[in-house]
Amino acid sequence: MAFYAVERLATRRKPVALGYGECRLLLSLSQFRNMDTAIVTGLTGIFGSLLGGSASVATAWVTQRTSNKRKEFHAEVSRREKLYSQFINECSARALDSVREHSR
């Protein structure tokens, strides 16, 4: 209804006779145009603090998550390196045993 009354006023160039409810609505809308600057400043400060705080929390969360993934990746690489070295040592030992058996 608010948009309808404002739209009706904006689209017509002739004066429009509004009903009691529409006049009351327009009066309440005009009160928002005359907001106190202290309220606007205070709300801006509050919303800015909330936004800055949430950005800090989000940054810390992403940093921690990335750090954990990096640690898991390095642990997996170390585990695989150890497994591959054991495999290579075992293969070398088997190859040497095979060469010794066939050289007799």
C-alpha atoms as a PDB file:
ATOM      1  CA  MET A   1       0.000   0.000   0.000  1.00  0.00           C
ATOM      2  CA  ALA A   2       2.864   2.365   0.737  1.00  0.00           C
ATOM      3  CA  PHE A   3       4.323   1.959  -2.708  1.00  0.00           C
ATOM      4  CA  TYR A   4       0.901   2.340  -4.295  1.00  0.00           C
ATOM      5  CA  ALA A   5       0.224   5.701  -2.618  1.00  0.00           C
ATOM      6  CA  VAL A   6       3.680   7.034  -3.404  1.00  0.00           C
ATOM      7  CA  GLU A   7       3.462   5.731  -6.965  1.00  0.00           C
ATOM      8  CA  ARG A   8       0.065   7.333  -7.421  1.00  0.00           C
ATOM      9  CA  LEU A   9       1.475  10.645  -6.328  1.00  0.00           C
ATOM     10  CA  ALA A  10       4.581  10.322  -8.481  1.00  0.00           C
ATOM     11  CA  THR A  11       2.829   9.316 -11.702  1.00  0.00           C
ATOM     12  CA  ARG A  12       0.051  11.930 -11.696  1.00  0.00           C
ATOM     13  CA  ARG A  13       0.724  15.573 -12.218  1.00  0.00           C
ATOM     14  CA  LYS A  14      -2.692  16.713 -11.041  1.00  0.00           C
ATOM     15  CA  PRO A  15      -3.398  16.975  -7.334  1.00  0.00           C
ATOM     16  CA  VAL A  16      -4.815  13.738  -5.988  1.00  0.00           C
ATOM     17  CA  ALA A  17      -7.385  13.462  -3.248  1.00  0.00           C
ATOM     18  CA  LEU A  18      -6.120  10.827  -0.850  1.00  0.00           C
ATOM     19  CA  GLY A  19      -8.173   8.978   1.719  1.00  0.00           C
ATOM     20  CA  TYR A  20      -7.539   9.188   5.456  1.00  0.00           C
ATOM     21  CA  GLY A  21      -5.445   5.989   5.533  1.00  0.00           C
ATOM     22  CA  GLU A  22      -3.280   7.117   2.626  1.00  0.00           C
ATOM     23  CA  CYS A  23      -2.645  10.528   4.186  1.00  0.00           C
ATOM     24  CA  ARG A  24      -1.721   8.882   7.468  1.00  0.00           C
ATOM     25  CA  LEU A  25       0.661   6.545   5.638  1.00  0.00           C
ATOM     26  CA  LEU A  26       2.334   9.402   3.800  1.00  0.00           C
ATOM     27  CA  LEU A  27       2.742  11.305   7.067  1.00  0.00           C
ATOM     28  CA  SER A  28       4.415   8.291   8.656  1.00  0.00           C
ATOM     29  CA  LEU A  29       6.676   7.930   5.598  1.00  0.00           C
ATOM     30  CA  SER A  30       7.643  11.600   5.785  1.00  0.00           C
ATOM     31  CA  GLN A  31       8.838  11.077   9.351  1.00  0.00           C
ATOM     32  CA  PHE A  32      11.504   8.692   8.037  1.00  0.00           C
ATOM     33  CA  ARG A  33      12.854  11.375   5.731  1.00  0.00           C
ATOM     34  CA  ASN A  34      13.565  13.593   8.724  1.00  0.00           C
ATOM     35  CA  MET A  35      15.640  11.138  10.743  1.00  0.00           C
ATOM     36  CA  ASP A  36      17.895  12.476  13.435  1.00  0.00           C
ATOM     37  CA  THR A  37      21.556  12.518  12.359  1.00  0.00           C
ATOM     38  CA  ALA A  38      22.623  11.111  15.729  1.00  0.00           C
ATOM     39  CA  ILE A  39      20.499   8.009  15.128  1.00  0.00           C
ATOM     40  CA  VAL A  40      21.919   7.558  11.643  1.00  0.00           C
ATOM     41  CA  THR A  41      25.470   7.980  12.948  1.00  0.00           C
ATOM     42  CA  GLY A  42      24.862   5.528  15.781  1.00  0.00           C
ATOM     43  CA  LEU A  43      23.303   2.912  13.524  1.00  0.00           C
ATOM     44  CA  THR A  44      26.132   3.326  11.041  1.00  0.00           C
ATOM     45  CA  GLY A  45      28.660   2.725  13.816  1.00  0.00           C
ATOM     46  CA  ILE A  46      26.835  -0.339  15.091  1.00  0.00           C
ATOM     47  CA  PHE A  47      26.437  -1.902  11.654  1.00  0.00           C
ATOM     48  CA  GLY A  48      30.040  -1.078  10.776  1.00  0.00           C
ATOM     49  CA  SER A  49      31.252  -2.771  13.949  1.00  0.00           C
ATOM     50  CA  LEU A  50      29.128  -5.836  13.244  1.00  0.00           C
ATOM     51  CA  LEU A  51      30.403  -6.039   9.697  1.00  0.00           C
ATOM     52  CA  GLY A  52      34.033  -5.577  10.745  1.00  0.00           C
ATOM     53  CA  GLY A  53      33.711  -8.162  13.508  1.00  0.00           C
ATOM     54  CA  SER A  54      32.091 -10.711  11.244  1.00  0.00           C
ATOM     55  CA  ALA A  55      34.807 -10.138   8.638  1.00  0.00           C
ATOM     56  CA  SER A  56      37.472 -10.814  11.277  1.00  0.00           C
ATOM     57  CA  VAL A  57      35.739 -14.002  12.400  1.00  0.00           C
ATOM     58  CA  ALA A  58      35.348 -15.196   8.811  1.00  0.00           C
ATOM     59  CA  THR A  59      39.006 -14.475   8.056  1.00  0.00           C
ATOM     60  CA  ALA A  60      40.181 -16.353  11.143  1.00  0.00           C
ATOM     61  CA  TRP A  61      37.947 -19.316  10.274  1.00  0.00           C
ATOM     62  CA  VAL A  62      39.221 -19.509   6.678  1.00  0.00           C
ATOM     63  CA  THR A  63      42.842 -19.173   7.840  1.00  0.00           C
ATOM     64  CA  GLN A  64      42.446 -21.951  10.418  1.00  0.00           C
ATOM     65  CA  ARG A  65      40.704 -24.225   7.932  1.00  0.00           C
ATOM     66  CA  THR A  66      43.430 -23.684   5.334  1.00  0.00           C
ATOM     67  CA  SER A  67      46.137 -24.316   7.924  1.00  0.00           C
ATOM     68  CA  ASN A  68      44.502 -27.588   8.984  1.00  0.00           C
ATOM     69  CA  LYS A  69      44.202 -28.764   5.379  1.00  0.00           C
ATOM     70  CA  ARG A  70      47.862 -27.941   4.773  1.00  0.00           C
ATOM     71  CA  LYS A  71      48.919 -29.927   7.865  1.00  0.00           C
ATOM     72  CA  GLU A  72      46.811 -32.913   6.774  1.00  0.00           C
ATOM     73  CA  PHE A  73      48.331 -32.772   3.298  1.00  0.00           C
ATOM     74  CA  HIS A  74      51.905 -32.723   4.647  1.00  0.00           C
ATOM     75  CA  ALA A  75      51.114 -35.606   7.017  1.00  0.00           C
ATOM     76  CA  GLU A  76      49.759 -37.636   4.088  1.00  0.00           C
ATOM     77  CA  VAL A  77      52.841 -36.866   1.973  1.00  0.00           C
ATOM     78  CA  SER A  78      55.137 -37.927   4.836  1.00  0.00           C
ATOM     79  CA  ARG A  79      53.166 -41.166   5.312  1.00  0.00           C
ATOM     80  CA  ARG A  80      53.426 -41.983   1.604  1.00  0.00           C
ATOM     81  CA  GLU A  81      57.161 -41.182   1.522  1.00  0.00           C
ATOM     82  CA  LYS A  82      57.723 -43.590   4.412  1.00  0.00           C
ATOM     83  CA  LEU A  83      55.632 -46.291   2.724  1.00  0.00           C
ATOM     84  CA  TYR A  84      57.478 -45.847  -0.601  1.00  0.00           C
ATOM     85  CA  SER A  85      60.886 -46.007   1.084  1.00  0.00           C
ATOM     86  CA  GLN A  86      59.864 -49.262   2.825  1.00  0.00           C
ATOM     87  CA  PHE A  87      58.669 -50.626  -0.527  1.00  0.00           C
ATOM     88  CA  ILE A  88      61.908 -49.669  -2.287  1.00  0.00           C
ATOM     89  CA  ASN A  89      64.026 -51.183   0.530  1.00  0.00           C
ATOM     90  CA  GLU A  90      62.023 -54.426   0.398  1.00  0.00           C
ATOM     91  CA  CYS A  91      62.258 -54.586  -3.404  1.00  0.00           C
ATOM     92  CA  SER A  92      66.004 -53.957  -3.286  1.00  0.00           C
ATOM     93  CA  ALA A  93      66.482 -56.704  -0.712  1.00  0.00           C
ATOM     94  CA  ARG A  94      64.416 -59.149  -2.818  1.00  0.00           C
ATOM     95  CA  ALA A  95      66.312 -58.202  -5.981  1.00  0.00           C
ATOM     96  CA  LEU A  96      69.681 -58.772  -4.259  1.00  0.00           C
ATOM     97  CA  ASP A  97      68.470 -62.141  -2.902  1.00  0.00           C
ATOM     98  CA  SER A  98      67.359 -63.098  -6.406  1.00  0.00           C
ATOM     99  CA  VAL A  99      70.707 -62.128  -7.937  1.00  0.00           C
ATOM    100  CA  ARG A 100      72.596 -64.098  -5.244  1.00  0.00           C
ATOM    101  CA  GLU A 101      70.452 -67.208  -5.799  1.00  0.00           C
ATOM    102  CA  HIS A 102      70.866 -67.145  -9.574  1.00  0.00           C
ATOM    103  CA  SER A 103      74.607 -66.439  -9.457  1.00  0.00           C
ATOM    104  CA  ARG A 104      75.415 -69.714  -7.621  1.00  0.00           C
END
